Amino acid sequence: MSEQEALGEFTPVTEGSATILFPKKEDVFYNPVQQFNRDLSVLSIRAWSELYGDALVSKKRKRDTDQVDSDKPYISILEALSVSGLRAIRYAKEIPKVSSVVANDFSEDAVRSIVRNVEHNNVSQVVKPNRG
């Protein structure tokens, strides 16, 4: 299926630096009211990493080895109820120090949506869809 054909089945929704493909048949949902909450969680994690995390990780790495790579991503995140993967994708794209995000959901439809959106945003090296 071409991207144009695929887009016929989906409505693109852009939030922050992520664009998700929201299914027109609504087997998963998008809650625009939660955008502020997602913005705040991205900003909070990013601020923590810049204010405290980098110093803590640098100190630990220096203690564990002679080589310190302060640019290496070190934040691992579990998003327990990911639905479309939007928040997980935003974490991957908007927080420089994120090394991995597990985007989990119980629903098979939600996990299919997460996989589709992770691929659409080219963040499969960071975001790992999971059903559980």
N, C-alpha and C. Protein backbone atom coordinates (compact mmCIF):
# COMPACT_ATOMS: atom_id res chain seq x y z
N MET A 1 0.85 -1.17 0.00
CA MET A 1 0.00 0.00 0.00
C MET A 1 0.90 1.24 0.00
N SER A 2 0.62 2.17 -0.89
CA SER A 2 1.41 3.40 -0.97
C SER A 2 1.05 4.32 0.19
N GLU A 3 1.89 5.31 0.43
CA GLU A 3 1.62 6.26 1.52
C GLU A 3 0.34 7.04 1.24
N GLN A 4 0.10 7.39 -0.02
CA GLN A 4 -1.14 8.10 -0.37
C GLN A 4 -2.36 7.23 -0.07
N GLU A 5 -2.30 5.94 -0.43
CA GLU A 5 -3.41 5.04 -0.12
C GLU A 5 -3.60 4.92 1.38
N ALA A 6 -2.48 4.80 2.11
CA ALA A 6 -2.55 4.68 3.56
C ALA A 6 -3.17 5.92 4.18
N LEU A 7 -2.81 7.10 3.67
CA LEU A 7 -3.35 8.33 4.23
C LEU A 7 -4.85 8.45 4.01
N GLY A 8 -5.39 7.75 3.01
CA GLY A 8 -6.83 7.76 2.80
C GLY A 8 -7.57 7.12 3.96
N GLU A 9 -6.92 6.19 4.66
CA GLU A 9 -7.52 5.51 5.80
C GLU A 9 -7.28 6.25 7.12
N PHE A 10 -6.41 7.25 7.09
CA PHE A 10 -5.98 7.92 8.32
C PHE A 10 -6.06 9.43 8.19
N THR A 11 -6.19 10.07 9.33
CA THR A 11 -6.11 11.51 9.42
C THR A 11 -4.81 11.85 10.15
N PRO A 12 -3.88 12.58 9.52
CA PRO A 12 -2.66 12.96 10.22
C PRO A 12 -2.96 13.98 11.31
N VAL A 13 -2.39 13.75 12.50
CA VAL A 13 -2.54 14.67 13.63
C VAL A 13 -1.13 15.02 14.10
N THR A 14 -0.81 16.32 14.07
CA THR A 14 0.53 16.76 14.48
C THR A 14 0.44 17.43 15.84
N GLU A 15 1.37 17.01 16.70
CA GLU A 15 1.47 17.59 18.04
C GLU A 15 2.96 17.61 18.39
N GLY A 16 3.45 18.76 18.78
CA GLY A 16 4.89 18.87 19.02
C GLY A 16 5.62 18.54 17.74
N SER A 17 6.63 17.70 17.82
CA SER A 17 7.39 17.31 16.63
C SER A 17 6.95 15.97 16.06
N ALA A 18 5.84 15.43 16.56
CA ALA A 18 5.34 14.13 16.11
C ALA A 18 4.07 14.29 15.28
N THR A 19 3.93 13.42 14.31
CA THR A 19 2.69 13.32 13.54
C THR A 19 2.22 11.88 13.60
N ILE A 20 1.02 11.68 14.13
CA ILE A 20 0.48 10.33 14.17
C ILE A 20 -0.57 10.18 13.09
N LEU A 21 -0.77 8.95 12.68
CA LEU A 21 -1.82 8.64 11.71
C LEU A 21 -2.99 8.08 12.50
N PHE A 22 -4.02 8.92 12.65
CA PHE A 22 -5.20 8.56 13.42
C PHE A 22 -6.19 7.85 12.50
N PRO A 23 -6.57 6.60 12.84
CA PRO A 23 -7.47 5.85 11.95
C PRO A 23 -8.86 6.49 11.87
N LYS A 24 -9.37 6.59 10.65
CA LYS A 24 -10.70 7.17 10.46
C LYS A 24 -11.79 6.27 11.04
N LYS A 25 -11.51 4.95 11.14
CA LYS A 25 -12.52 4.06 11.72
C LYS A 25 -12.47 4.04 13.25
N GLU A 26 -11.56 4.81 13.85
CA GLU A 26 -11.45 5.03 15.29
C GLU A 26 -11.36 3.74 16.11
N ASP A 27 -10.39 2.87 15.76
CA ASP A 27 -10.16 1.70 16.60
C ASP A 27 -9.24 2.03 17.78
N VAL A 28 -8.61 3.20 17.73
CA VAL A 28 -7.89 3.77 18.88
C VAL A 28 -8.29 5.24 18.94
N PHE A 29 -7.96 5.92 20.03
CA PHE A 29 -8.42 7.30 20.15
C PHE A 29 -7.27 8.27 20.33
N TYR A 30 -7.57 9.52 20.01
CA TYR A 30 -6.67 10.64 20.23
C TYR A 30 -7.42 11.64 21.09
N ASN A 31 -6.83 12.03 22.22
CA ASN A 31 -7.47 12.96 23.12
C ASN A 31 -6.74 14.31 23.07
N PRO A 32 -7.25 15.27 22.28
CA PRO A 32 -6.57 16.56 22.15
C PRO A 32 -6.52 17.35 23.46
N VAL A 33 -7.43 17.08 24.38
CA VAL A 33 -7.45 17.79 25.66
C VAL A 33 -6.18 17.48 26.46
N GLN A 34 -5.57 16.33 26.22
CA GLN A 34 -4.37 15.92 26.94
C GLN A 34 -3.08 16.51 26.37
N GLN A 35 -3.17 17.33 25.33
CA GLN A 35 -1.96 17.89 24.73
C GLN A 35 -1.13 18.65 25.77
N PHE A 36 -1.76 19.45 26.60
CA PHE A 36 -1.03 20.18 27.63
C PHE A 36 -0.29 19.22 28.56
N ASN A 37 -0.95 18.13 28.94
CA ASN A 37 -0.33 17.13 29.80
C ASN A 37 0.90 16.52 29.12
N ARG A 38 0.78 16.20 27.82
CA ARG A 38 1.92 15.64 27.08
C ARG A 38 3.03 16.67 26.95
N ASP A 39 2.68 17.93 26.67
CA ASP A 39 3.69 19.00 26.61
C ASP A 39 4.43 19.09 27.94
N LEU A 40 3.69 19.07 29.02
CA LEU A 40 4.28 19.21 30.35
C LEU A 40 5.19 18.03 30.69
N SER A 41 4.79 16.81 30.35
CA SER A 41 5.63 15.66 30.67
C SER A 41 6.93 15.69 29.86
N VAL A 42 6.86 16.10 28.59
CA VAL A 42 8.08 16.25 27.79
C VAL A 42 9.00 17.30 28.42
N LEU A 43 8.44 18.44 28.75
CA LEU A 43 9.24 19.52 29.33
C LEU A 43 9.83 19.14 30.69
N SER A 44 9.07 18.43 31.49
CA SER A 44 9.54 18.03 32.82
C SER A 44 10.72 17.08 32.74
N ILE A 45 10.62 16.06 31.90
CA ILE A 45 11.71 15.10 31.76
C ILE A 45 12.94 15.78 31.17
N ARG A 46 12.71 16.61 30.18
CA ARG A 46 13.84 17.32 29.56
C ARG A 46 14.53 18.25 30.56
N ALA A 47 13.74 18.99 31.35
CA ALA A 47 14.32 19.89 32.35
C ALA A 47 15.09 19.10 33.40
N TRP A 48 14.53 17.98 33.88
CA TRP A 48 15.24 17.17 34.86
C TRP A 48 16.59 16.71 34.31
N SER A 49 16.58 16.23 33.06
CA SER A 49 17.83 15.73 32.48
C SER A 49 18.87 16.84 32.37
N GLU A 50 18.44 18.05 32.02
CA GLU A 50 19.37 19.16 31.86
C GLU A 50 19.85 19.71 33.21
N LEU A 51 18.98 19.72 34.21
CA LEU A 51 19.34 20.29 35.51
C LEU A 51 20.07 19.30 36.42
N TYR A 52 19.64 18.05 36.42
CA TYR A 52 20.16 17.09 37.38
C TYR A 52 20.72 15.82 36.74
N GLY A 53 20.03 15.31 35.77
CA GLY A 53 20.37 14.01 35.19
C GLY A 53 21.76 13.94 34.60
N ASP A 54 22.13 14.93 33.81
CA ASP A 54 23.45 14.91 33.17
C ASP A 54 24.57 14.85 34.22
N ALA A 55 24.43 15.64 35.28
CA ALA A 55 25.46 15.65 36.33
C ALA A 55 25.52 14.32 37.06
N LEU A 56 24.35 13.73 37.37
CA LEU A 56 24.33 12.44 38.06
C LEU A 56 24.93 11.33 37.21
N VAL A 57 24.56 11.29 35.94
CA VAL A 57 25.07 10.24 35.05
C VAL A 57 26.56 10.43 34.81
N SER A 58 26.98 11.66 34.61
CA SER A 58 28.40 11.94 34.39
C SER A 58 29.23 11.50 35.59
N LYS A 59 28.73 11.79 36.79
CA LYS A 59 29.43 11.39 38.02
C LYS A 59 29.52 9.87 38.12
N LYS A 60 28.43 9.16 37.82
CA LYS A 60 28.41 7.70 37.89
C LYS A 60 29.34 7.10 36.84
N ARG A 61 29.27 7.62 35.62
CA ARG A 61 30.13 7.10 34.56
C ARG A 61 31.60 7.34 34.87
N LYS A 62 31.91 8.47 35.46
CA LYS A 62 33.30 8.78 35.81
C LYS A 62 33.80 7.80 36.87
N ARG A 63 32.91 7.47 37.81
CA ARG A 63 33.26 6.53 38.88
C ARG A 63 33.45 5.12 38.32
N ASP A 64 32.63 4.74 37.32
CA ASP A 64 32.66 3.38 36.77
C ASP A 64 33.73 3.17 35.71
N THR A 65 34.19 4.24 35.08
CA THR A 65 35.16 4.10 34.00
C THR A 65 35.96 5.38 33.86
N ASP A 66 37.07 5.28 33.20
CA ASP A 66 37.90 6.46 32.98
C ASP A 66 37.35 7.33 31.85
N GLN A 67 36.56 6.71 30.97
CA GLN A 67 36.01 7.46 29.84
C GLN A 67 34.60 7.93 30.17
N VAL A 68 34.35 9.19 29.97
CA VAL A 68 33.04 9.76 30.23
C VAL A 68 32.47 10.28 28.92
N ASP A 69 31.33 9.73 28.51
CA ASP A 69 30.64 10.19 27.32
C ASP A 69 29.36 10.87 27.77
N SER A 70 29.44 12.15 28.03
CA SER A 70 28.28 12.87 28.57
C SER A 70 27.17 13.09 27.54
N ASP A 71 27.45 12.84 26.27
CA ASP A 71 26.43 13.03 25.24
C ASP A 71 25.60 11.76 25.01
N LYS A 72 26.03 10.66 25.55
CA LYS A 72 25.33 9.39 25.32
C LYS A 72 23.96 9.40 26.01
N PRO A 73 22.89 9.08 25.28
CA PRO A 73 21.55 9.04 25.89
C PRO A 73 21.49 8.02 27.03
N TYR A 74 20.75 8.35 28.09
CA TYR A 74 20.71 7.48 29.27
C TYR A 74 19.30 7.32 29.86
N ILE A 75 18.32 7.99 29.33
CA ILE A 75 16.97 7.93 29.91
C ILE A 75 16.16 6.82 29.25
N SER A 76 15.65 5.90 30.08
CA SER A 76 14.76 4.83 29.62
C SER A 76 13.37 5.11 30.20
N ILE A 77 12.35 5.00 29.35
CA ILE A 77 10.99 5.34 29.75
C ILE A 77 10.05 4.19 29.41
N LEU A 78 9.13 3.91 30.34
CA LEU A 78 8.02 2.99 30.07
C LEU A 78 6.76 3.82 30.02
N GLU A 79 6.10 3.78 28.88
CA GLU A 79 4.78 4.41 28.77
C GLU A 79 3.77 3.28 28.82
N ALA A 80 3.11 3.13 29.95
CA ALA A 80 2.31 1.94 30.23
C ALA A 80 1.06 1.81 29.36
N LEU A 81 0.37 2.88 29.09
CA LEU A 81 -0.86 2.84 28.29
C LEU A 81 -0.69 3.80 27.12
N SER A 82 -0.05 3.34 26.08
CA SER A 82 0.42 4.21 25.01
C SER A 82 -0.64 4.57 23.97
N VAL A 83 -1.61 3.74 23.75
CA VAL A 83 -2.70 3.90 22.78
C VAL A 83 -2.19 4.09 21.35
N SER A 84 -1.82 5.31 20.97
CA SER A 84 -1.35 5.58 19.60
C SER A 84 0.17 5.71 19.53
N GLY A 85 0.81 5.81 20.69
CA GLY A 85 2.25 6.01 20.73
C GLY A 85 2.68 7.46 20.65
N LEU A 86 1.73 8.38 20.65
CA LEU A 86 2.05 9.80 20.47
C LEU A 86 3.04 10.31 21.53
N ARG A 87 2.76 10.06 22.79
CA ARG A 87 3.63 10.57 23.85
C ARG A 87 5.02 9.93 23.74
N ALA A 88 5.06 8.63 23.49
CA ALA A 88 6.35 7.93 23.35
C ALA A 88 7.16 8.50 22.20
N ILE A 89 6.50 8.78 21.09
CA ILE A 89 7.18 9.36 19.92
C ILE A 89 7.69 10.76 20.25
N ARG A 90 6.88 11.53 20.94
CA ARG A 90 7.33 12.87 21.34
C ARG A 90 8.54 12.78 22.26
N TYR A 91 8.53 11.84 23.20
CA TYR A 91 9.70 11.65 24.07
C TYR A 91 10.94 11.39 23.21
N ALA A 92 10.82 10.48 22.25
CA ALA A 92 11.97 10.11 21.41
C ALA A 92 12.48 11.29 20.59
N LYS A 93 11.57 12.13 20.11
CA LYS A 93 11.96 13.22 19.23
C LYS A 93 12.32 14.52 19.96
N GLU A 94 11.80 14.71 21.16
CA GLU A 94 11.92 16.00 21.83
C GLU A 94 12.81 16.01 23.07
N ILE A 95 13.24 14.84 23.54
CA ILE A 95 14.11 14.78 24.71
C ILE A 95 15.43 14.16 24.26
N PRO A 96 16.48 14.97 24.13
CA PRO A 96 17.74 14.50 23.55
C PRO A 96 18.39 13.32 24.27
N LYS A 97 18.20 13.18 25.55
CA LYS A 97 18.90 12.13 26.32
C LYS A 97 18.12 10.82 26.44
N VAL A 98 17.00 10.67 25.71
CA VAL A 98 16.23 9.43 25.77
C VAL A 98 16.93 8.35 24.93
N SER A 99 17.22 7.22 25.59
CA SER A 99 17.85 6.10 24.89
C SER A 99 16.82 5.07 24.44
N SER A 100 15.72 4.92 25.22
CA SER A 100 14.70 3.95 24.83
C SER A 100 13.37 4.29 25.49
N VAL A 101 12.30 3.97 24.74
CA VAL A 101 10.94 4.12 25.26
C VAL A 101 10.19 2.85 24.91
N VAL A 102 9.62 2.20 25.91
CA VAL A 102 8.73 1.07 25.66
C VAL A 102 7.32 1.64 25.64
N ALA A 103 6.67 1.53 24.48
CA ALA A 103 5.30 2.03 24.31
C ALA A 103 4.38 0.82 24.42
N ASN A 104 3.76 0.65 25.57
CA ASN A 104 2.98 -0.55 25.89
C ASN A 104 1.48 -0.27 25.85
N ASP A 105 0.72 -1.28 25.45
CA ASP A 105 -0.73 -1.23 25.58
C ASP A 105 -1.25 -2.66 25.60
N PHE A 106 -2.45 -2.84 26.17
CA PHE A 106 -3.10 -4.16 26.21
C PHE A 106 -3.78 -4.49 24.89
N SER A 107 -4.24 -3.49 24.19
CA SER A 107 -5.05 -3.65 22.99
C SER A 107 -4.20 -3.96 21.75
N GLU A 108 -4.61 -4.99 21.01
CA GLU A 108 -3.92 -5.30 19.75
C GLU A 108 -4.05 -4.14 18.76
N ASP A 109 -5.23 -3.53 18.70
CA ASP A 109 -5.43 -2.39 17.81
C ASP A 109 -4.49 -1.24 18.18
N ALA A 110 -4.35 -0.99 19.47
CA ALA A 110 -3.46 0.09 19.92
C ALA A 110 -2.02 -0.22 19.54
N VAL A 111 -1.58 -1.45 19.72
CA VAL A 111 -0.19 -1.80 19.39
C VAL A 111 0.04 -1.68 17.89
N ARG A 112 -0.93 -2.06 17.07
CA ARG A 112 -0.81 -1.85 15.62
C ARG A 112 -0.67 -0.36 15.31
N SER A 113 -1.43 0.46 16.01
CA SER A 113 -1.34 1.91 15.83
C SER A 113 0.02 2.43 16.26
N ILE A 114 0.54 1.93 17.37
CA ILE A 114 1.87 2.34 17.84
C ILE A 114 2.92 1.99 16.79
N VAL A 115 2.87 0.76 16.29
CA VAL A 115 3.84 0.32 15.27
C VAL A 115 3.78 1.23 14.05
N ARG A 116 2.58 1.50 13.56
CA ARG A 116 2.38 2.36 12.39
C ARG A 116 2.97 3.75 12.63
N ASN A 117 2.68 4.32 13.80
CA ASN A 117 3.13 5.68 14.09
C ASN A 117 4.63 5.76 14.37
N VAL A 118 5.18 4.74 14.97
CA VAL A 118 6.63 4.70 15.19
C VAL A 118 7.34 4.67 13.84
N GLU A 119 6.86 3.82 12.94
CA GLU A 119 7.46 3.76 11.60
C GLU A 119 7.27 5.07 10.85
N HIS A 120 6.08 5.66 10.93
CA HIS A 120 5.80 6.92 10.24
C HIS A 120 6.72 8.05 10.71
N ASN A 121 7.12 8.02 11.99
CA ASN A 121 7.98 9.06 12.57
C ASN A 121 9.46 8.69 12.58
N ASN A 122 9.79 7.53 12.04
CA ASN A 122 11.20 7.08 11.97
C ASN A 122 11.90 7.08 13.33
N VAL A 123 11.24 6.53 14.34
CA VAL A 123 11.85 6.47 15.67
C VAL A 123 11.95 5.03 16.20
N SER A 124 11.97 4.07 15.28
CA SER A 124 12.01 2.66 15.71
C SER A 124 13.29 2.29 16.44
N GLN A 125 14.35 3.08 16.27
CA GLN A 125 15.60 2.81 16.99
C GLN A 125 15.46 3.16 18.47
N VAL A 126 14.46 3.96 18.83
CA VAL A 126 14.28 4.38 20.22
C VAL A 126 12.99 3.82 20.82
N VAL A 127 11.87 3.89 20.09
CA VAL A 127 10.57 3.48 20.61
C VAL A 127 10.29 2.03 20.24
N LYS A 128 10.02 1.22 21.26
CA LYS A 128 9.74 -0.21 21.08
C LYS A 128 8.29 -0.49 21.46
N PRO A 129 7.43 -0.78 20.48
CA PRO A 129 6.03 -1.13 20.79
C PRO A 129 5.98 -2.47 21.53
N ASN A 130 5.03 -2.58 22.48
CA ASN A 130 4.90 -3.80 23.27
C ASN A 130 3.44 -4.00 23.64
N ARG A 131 2.99 -5.26 23.58
CA ARG A 131 1.64 -5.59 24.04
C ARG A 131 1.77 -6.35 25.33
N GLY A 132 1.20 -5.80 26.38
CA GLY A 132 1.29 -6.49 27.66
C GLY A 132 0.54 -5.75 28.74
